[in-house]
Amino acid sequence: MKVTNDMISHELESTERAIELEKYKTALKKTQFIGELKNGLGDEIKVAPSAIRFIKKTWSQKLKIFFSKLFTKF
């Protein structure tokens, strides 16, 4: 079977369409996932989504981390 330019261009076009379809599906799933996350979260995050709240570690957690860092160095 002889490969012609038409066959090659048709194959390229179908591949490009498949790539665009996958990009579209990925973007759609991403927006759906973000929407599900926002719907599942509380009113506090819906009102102020950019507010950052730091979770402080207790002194026992800090001590445990310190010792783990100390003993893994040697």
Protein backbone atom coordinates (compact mmCIF):
# COMPACT_ATOMS: atom_id res chain seq x y z
CA MET A 1 0.00 0.00 0.00
CA LYS A 2 1.36 3.35 -1.04
CA VAL A 3 1.29 6.18 1.51
CA THR A 4 0.14 9.45 0.00
CA ASN A 5 0.21 13.02 1.24
CA ASP A 6 -3.55 12.94 1.69
CA MET A 7 -3.30 9.97 4.03
CA ILE A 8 -0.57 11.65 6.05
CA SER A 9 -2.46 14.95 6.31
CA HIS A 10 -5.64 13.12 7.30
CA GLU A 11 -3.75 11.25 10.02
CA LEU A 12 -2.20 14.48 11.30
CA GLU A 13 -5.57 16.23 11.41
CA SER A 14 -7.18 13.36 13.29
CA THR A 15 -4.31 13.31 15.79
CA GLU A 16 -4.58 17.06 16.32
CA ARG A 17 -8.33 16.75 16.89
CA ALA A 18 -7.71 13.96 19.41
CA ILE A 19 -5.20 16.15 21.26
CA GLU A 20 -7.64 19.07 21.36
CA LEU A 21 -10.37 16.75 22.63
CA GLU A 22 -8.14 15.50 25.45
CA LYS A 23 -7.24 19.08 26.41
CA TYR A 24 -10.92 19.98 26.50
CA LYS A 25 -11.79 16.93 28.60
CA THR A 26 -8.98 17.71 31.03
CA ALA A 27 -10.07 21.33 31.45
CA LEU A 28 -13.68 20.25 31.95
CA LYS A 29 -12.77 17.68 34.60
CA LYS A 30 -10.56 20.23 36.34
CA THR A 31 -13.36 22.79 36.56
CA GLN A 32 -15.80 20.11 37.74
CA PHE A 33 -13.36 18.98 40.43
CA ILE A 34 -12.79 22.53 41.65
CA GLY A 35 -16.55 23.11 41.72
CA GLU A 36 -17.07 19.95 43.77
CA LEU A 37 -14.38 21.05 46.20
CA LYS A 38 -15.95 24.48 46.60
CA ASN A 39 -19.40 22.99 47.12
CA GLY A 40 -18.06 20.64 49.78
CA LEU A 41 -16.24 23.34 51.72
CA GLY A 42 -17.71 25.59 54.37
CA ASP A 43 -19.03 29.11 54.06
CA GLU A 44 -15.80 30.54 55.42
CA ILE A 45 -13.81 29.44 52.39
CA LYS A 46 -16.55 30.47 49.97
CA VAL A 47 -16.53 33.99 51.40
CA ALA A 48 -12.75 34.47 51.63
CA PRO A 49 -11.02 31.94 49.35
CA SER A 50 -7.70 33.78 49.38
CA ALA A 51 -7.41 34.07 53.15
CA ILE A 52 -4.64 31.91 54.54
CA ARG A 53 -4.90 30.43 58.00
CA PHE A 54 -1.73 28.90 59.39
CA ILE A 55 -1.99 25.77 61.49
CA LYS A 56 0.59 25.92 64.25
CA LYS A 57 2.27 22.74 65.43
CA THR A 58 2.27 21.80 69.07
CA TRP A 59 5.51 21.72 71.02
CA SER A 60 5.53 17.90 70.98
CA GLN A 61 5.24 17.87 67.19
CA LYS A 62 8.05 20.42 66.93
CA LEU A 63 10.20 18.31 69.26
CA LYS A 64 9.52 15.16 67.25
CA ILE A 65 10.45 16.92 64.01
CA PHE A 66 13.62 18.29 65.57
CA PHE A 67 14.76 14.84 66.70
CA SER A 68 13.88 13.25 63.39
CA LYS A 69 15.95 15.87 61.56
CA LEU A 70 18.80 15.45 64.03
CA PHE A 71 19.00 11.67 63.77
CA THR A 72 18.57 11.46 60.01
CA LYS A 73 21.58 13.72 59.39
CA PHE A 74 24.05 11.14 60.72
